[in-house]
Amino acid sequence: MRANYRMQRIFVPDDLGEGLSIEPSREQAHYLLNVLRMGAGAPLLVFNGRDGEWLARLEPRAKKAATLILAEQTRPQPQPPDLVYCFAPLKQGRLDYLIQKAVEMGAGVLQPVITQHTQIAKAGTDRMRANALEAAEQCGILAIAEVAEAVPLERLLTGWDRDRRLIFCDEDASTNSPLPALTAIAERRIGLLVGPEGGFSDDERRQLRALPFVTAIPLGPRILRADTAAVAALALIQATVGDWR
């Protein structure tokens, strides 16, 4: 069931159920009452990542305080997306964009990976979670993406589930088209690995190519920045072996 894009949606941590009353945060109440100027009885949608999506009615209590009365469930809670997106952290503004777009494109797990050429050694996990949540609010997503702690590439590969195919974007591939490699993949459990701005080192590329659960793909004849490569690769994967099929 597709999301209702015409109604305001907010995330709340509370349990959701018919007839329950919940209180949005002070910031959310201010936004609803004073920015959107929603009045008493105004409808909106709420979700918590566990109990599906619910229609609620707004009841103002003060200038920056309100109560939400839950009326009925509008969408059940879906299974979380199974796509694992692994990426080298970027500088903050572009990392914000990358996280939001990965969630919009159906990533269920966001896994920062430290490579030899990674520019940012420590990723802001709380900020990434906030960006993932904002993307879910704006795009009608009910299953909140998991944001994992950053790990070195070697540890990622050592602990990788061998039944999950890992696709990595290889800028030194001998062809421009990723389609032959993607359409040959039999597994339906997929992970994607996108490197940093400087690309993978020669040693990292050799290590990845030697692993039986790894598939290397090119992304065309042009050099793409890491955040652009992420969106392009996610679109290709969803269209060929993902949930767009």
Protein backbone atom coordinates (compact mmCIF):
# COMPACT_ATOMS: atom_id res chain seq x y z
CA MET A 1 0.00 0.00 0.00
CA ARG A 2 1.45 3.36 -1.03
CA ALA A 3 1.84 6.25 1.39
CA ASN A 4 -0.53 9.21 1.56
CA TYR A 5 1.75 12.06 0.49
CA ARG A 6 -0.81 14.80 1.07
CA MET A 7 -0.93 14.48 4.85
CA GLN A 8 1.68 15.53 7.36
CA ARG A 9 3.62 12.60 8.85
CA ILE A 10 5.69 12.52 12.02
CA PHE A 11 7.71 9.89 13.83
CA VAL A 12 6.96 9.21 17.50
CA PRO A 13 8.70 6.71 19.81
CA ASP A 14 5.47 5.73 21.62
CA ASP A 15 3.52 2.52 21.15
CA LEU A 16 0.59 3.07 18.77
CA GLY A 17 -2.94 1.69 18.96
CA GLU A 18 -6.58 2.65 18.47
CA GLY A 19 -7.81 5.27 20.95
CA LEU A 20 -4.41 5.93 22.51
CA SER A 21 -3.26 9.48 23.25
CA ILE A 22 0.35 10.47 22.72
CA GLU A 23 2.28 13.70 23.07
CA PRO A 24 4.56 14.89 20.27
CA SER A 25 7.83 16.52 21.26
CA ARG A 26 7.87 20.24 21.98
CA GLU A 27 9.61 20.83 18.64
CA GLN A 28 7.02 18.76 16.78
CA ALA A 29 4.14 20.52 18.51
CA HIS A 30 5.62 23.91 17.66
CA TYR A 31 5.98 22.88 14.02
CA LEU A 32 2.43 21.56 13.78
CA LEU A 33 0.76 24.43 15.64
CA ASN A 34 2.84 27.47 14.74
CA VAL A 35 4.56 26.68 11.44
CA LEU A 36 1.89 24.61 9.71
CA ARG A 37 -0.86 26.35 11.72
CA MET A 38 -2.84 23.15 12.17
CA GLY A 39 -5.92 23.59 14.34
CA ALA A 40 -7.91 21.40 16.70
CA GLY A 41 -9.05 18.17 15.07
CA ALA A 42 -6.60 18.45 12.16
CA PRO A 43 -5.63 15.02 10.80
CA LEU A 44 -2.06 13.78 10.46
CA LEU A 45 -0.22 10.49 10.21
CA VAL A 46 2.12 9.05 12.83
CA PHE A 47 4.46 6.04 12.84
CA ASN A 48 7.07 4.54 15.15
CA GLY A 49 8.81 1.96 12.98
CA ARG A 50 7.02 -0.91 14.78
CA ASP A 51 3.23 -0.56 14.72
CA GLY A 52 2.50 0.64 11.20
CA GLU A 53 1.05 4.03 10.32
CA TRP A 54 -1.90 5.62 12.16
CA LEU A 55 -4.33 8.43 11.51
CA ALA A 56 -4.31 10.88 14.42
CA ARG A 57 -6.23 14.02 15.37
CA LEU A 58 -4.42 17.03 16.77
CA GLU A 59 -5.60 18.54 20.05
CA PRO A 60 -3.69 21.73 21.02
CA ARG A 61 -2.98 22.20 24.74
CA ALA A 62 -0.69 25.25 24.71
CA LYS A 63 1.37 27.27 22.25
CA LYS A 64 3.99 24.54 22.01
CA ALA A 65 2.16 21.53 23.42
CA ALA A 66 -0.43 19.19 21.95
CA THR A 67 -1.96 15.74 22.20
CA LEU A 68 -2.46 13.30 19.33
CA ILE A 69 -5.52 11.03 19.50
CA LEU A 70 -5.04 7.86 17.44
CA ALA A 71 -8.07 6.93 15.37
CA GLU A 72 -7.23 4.03 13.05
CA GLN A 73 -4.35 2.27 11.37
CA THR A 74 -3.87 3.38 7.78
CA ARG A 75 -1.02 0.99 6.85
CA PRO A 76 0.32 -2.14 8.56
CA GLN A 77 3.97 -2.43 9.50
CA PRO A 78 5.96 -3.95 6.58
CA GLN A 79 9.02 -6.14 6.76
CA PRO A 80 12.19 -4.02 6.85
CA PRO A 81 14.14 -3.71 3.57
CA ASP A 82 16.82 -6.38 3.30
CA LEU A 83 19.35 -4.29 1.36
CA VAL A 84 22.58 -3.57 3.27
CA TYR A 85 24.28 -0.37 2.13
CA CYS A 86 27.98 -0.09 3.02
CA PHE A 87 29.76 3.19 2.40
CA ALA A 88 32.85 5.19 3.24
CA PRO A 89 31.79 8.27 5.28
CA LEU A 90 31.98 11.62 3.47
CA LYS A 91 32.15 15.21 4.65
CA GLN A 92 29.06 16.23 6.56
CA GLY A 93 26.79 17.92 4.03
CA ARG A 94 27.28 15.26 1.40
CA LEU A 95 26.99 12.49 3.99
CA ASP A 96 23.59 13.90 5.01
CA TYR A 97 22.49 13.71 1.37
CA LEU A 98 23.88 10.20 0.95
CA ILE A 99 22.03 8.85 4.01
CA GLN A 100 18.73 10.40 2.98
CA LYS A 101 18.94 9.07 -0.57
CA ALA A 102 20.00 5.58 0.53
CA VAL A 103 16.92 5.37 2.78
CA GLU A 104 14.68 6.65 -0.01
CA MET A 105 16.14 3.99 -2.32
CA GLY A 106 15.30 1.15 0.06
CA ALA A 107 18.39 0.54 2.19
CA GLY A 108 17.48 -1.33 5.38
CA VAL A 109 20.92 -1.20 7.03
CA LEU A 110 23.40 1.67 6.73
CA GLN A 111 26.94 0.45 7.44
CA PRO A 112 29.80 2.98 7.48
CA VAL A 113 33.10 1.43 6.40
CA ILE A 114 36.59 2.80 6.93
CA THR A 115 38.86 2.23 3.92
CA GLN A 116 42.42 3.31 3.18
CA HIS A 117 41.28 6.48 1.39
CA THR A 118 38.33 7.37 3.64
CA GLN A 119 38.45 11.10 4.41
CA ILE A 120 36.35 11.02 7.59
CA ALA A 121 37.61 8.56 10.20
CA LYS A 122 34.62 8.93 12.55
CA ALA A 123 31.05 9.11 11.31
CA GLY A 124 28.39 10.92 13.37
CA THR A 125 26.03 8.04 14.10
CA ASP A 126 23.37 10.18 15.82
CA ARG A 127 23.26 12.60 12.90
CA MET A 128 23.01 9.74 10.40
CA ARG A 129 20.09 8.29 12.37
CA ALA A 130 18.38 11.70 12.36
CA ASN A 131 18.80 11.97 8.59
CA ALA A 132 17.49 8.43 8.08
CA LEU A 133 14.44 9.26 10.19
CA GLU A 134 13.80 12.52 8.33
CA ALA A 135 13.91 10.68 5.01
CA ALA A 136 11.42 8.13 6.34
CA GLU A 137 9.06 10.88 7.50
CA GLN A 138 9.17 12.70 4.18
CA CYS A 139 8.89 9.68 1.91
CA GLY A 140 6.24 7.55 3.58
CA ILE A 141 8.68 4.89 4.79
CA LEU A 142 7.54 2.89 7.82
CA ALA A 143 10.54 0.63 8.50
CA ILE A 144 13.34 2.73 9.99
CA ALA A 145 16.78 1.93 8.57
CA GLU A 146 19.32 0.59 11.06
CA VAL A 147 22.47 2.71 11.35
CA ALA A 148 25.47 0.62 12.39
CA GLU A 149 28.74 1.74 13.91
CA ALA A 150 31.64 2.23 11.50
CA VAL A 151 33.97 -0.73 10.94
CA PRO A 152 37.22 -1.18 9.00
CA LEU A 153 36.80 -2.78 5.58
CA GLU A 154 38.74 -5.90 6.62
CA ARG A 155 36.42 -6.48 9.58
CA LEU A 156 33.36 -5.97 7.39
CA LEU A 157 34.55 -8.63 4.95
CA THR A 158 35.63 -11.07 7.66
CA GLY A 159 32.22 -10.94 9.33
CA TRP A 160 30.13 -10.82 6.14
CA ASP A 161 27.30 -13.32 5.72
CA ARG A 162 28.48 -15.51 2.83
CA ASP A 163 24.88 -16.08 1.73
CA ARG A 164 24.48 -12.36 1.00
CA ARG A 165 25.99 -11.19 -2.29
CA LEU A 166 28.17 -8.07 -1.86
CA ILE A 167 28.28 -5.78 -4.89
CA PHE A 168 31.05 -3.21 -4.99
CA CYS A 169 31.50 -0.34 -7.40
CA ASP A 170 34.86 -0.79 -9.13
CA GLU A 171 36.06 2.27 -11.04
CA ASP A 172 38.77 0.16 -12.73
CA ALA A 173 36.36 -2.34 -14.30
CA SER A 174 37.17 -3.30 -17.89
CA THR A 175 33.65 -2.53 -19.18
CA ASN A 176 31.22 0.36 -18.79
CA SER A 177 28.00 -1.64 -18.38
CA PRO A 178 27.04 -3.13 -14.99
CA LEU A 179 24.08 -5.07 -16.40
CA PRO A 180 25.81 -8.36 -17.34
CA ALA A 181 27.27 -8.75 -13.85
CA LEU A 182 24.02 -7.77 -12.09
CA THR A 183 21.72 -9.97 -14.16
CA ALA A 184 24.00 -12.97 -13.46
CA ILE A 185 23.45 -12.69 -9.70
CA ALA A 186 21.30 -15.52 -8.36
CA GLU A 187 21.09 -14.41 -4.72
CA ARG A 188 18.24 -12.21 -3.56
CA ARG A 189 19.96 -11.05 -0.38
CA ILE A 190 22.17 -8.16 -1.45
CA GLY A 191 24.69 -5.73 -0.02
CA LEU A 192 26.23 -2.75 -1.79
CA LEU A 193 29.67 -1.29 -1.08
CA VAL A 194 30.60 2.18 -2.36
CA GLY A 195 34.09 3.51 -1.71
CA PRO A 196 35.40 6.94 -0.75
CA GLU A 197 36.19 9.91 -2.99
CA GLY A 198 39.67 8.55 -3.70
CA GLY A 199 38.30 5.12 -4.57
CA PHE A 200 39.48 1.80 -3.24
CA SER A 201 43.21 1.16 -3.01
CA ASP A 202 44.77 -1.46 -5.27
CA ASP A 203 45.15 -3.81 -2.30
CA GLU A 204 41.50 -3.37 -1.31
CA ARG A 205 40.35 -3.98 -4.87
CA ARG A 206 42.40 -7.17 -5.12
CA GLN A 207 41.05 -8.33 -1.75
CA LEU A 208 37.45 -7.72 -2.81
CA ARG A 209 37.82 -9.36 -6.20
CA ALA A 210 39.31 -12.50 -4.61
CA LEU A 211 36.25 -13.17 -2.45
CA PRO A 212 33.64 -15.61 -3.84
CA PHE A 213 30.66 -13.69 -2.45
CA VAL A 214 31.70 -10.37 -4.06
CA THR A 215 30.62 -9.02 -7.46
CA ALA A 216 32.37 -6.00 -8.97
CA ILE A 217 30.38 -3.65 -11.20
CA PRO A 218 31.27 -0.51 -13.18
CA LEU A 219 29.11 2.60 -13.21
CA GLY A 220 29.55 3.76 -16.77
CA PRO A 221 32.27 5.71 -18.57
CA ARG A 222 32.20 8.82 -16.37
CA ILE A 223 33.83 9.47 -13.01
CA LEU A 224 31.14 9.82 -10.36
CA ARG A 225 31.45 11.39 -6.94
CA ALA A 226 30.77 8.98 -4.10
CA ASP A 227 27.26 10.26 -3.29
CA THR A 228 26.28 10.23 -6.97
CA ALA A 229 27.70 6.71 -7.33
CA ALA A 230 25.60 5.58 -4.37
CA VAL A 231 22.30 6.72 -5.93
CA ALA A 232 23.23 5.31 -9.35
CA ALA A 233 24.26 1.94 -7.91
CA LEU A 234 21.19 1.65 -5.67
CA ALA A 235 18.90 2.37 -8.62
CA LEU A 236 20.65 -0.28 -10.72
CA ILE A 237 20.45 -2.89 -7.98
CA GLN A 238 16.79 -2.24 -7.21
CA ALA A 239 15.91 -2.42 -10.92
CA THR A 240 17.79 -5.66 -11.60
CA VAL A 241 17.90 -7.77 -8.42
CA GLY A 242 15.97 -5.64 -5.92
CA ASP A 243 12.38 -4.70 -5.15
CA TRP A 244 11.66 -2.76 -8.35
CA ARG A 245 11.33 -5.98 -10.32
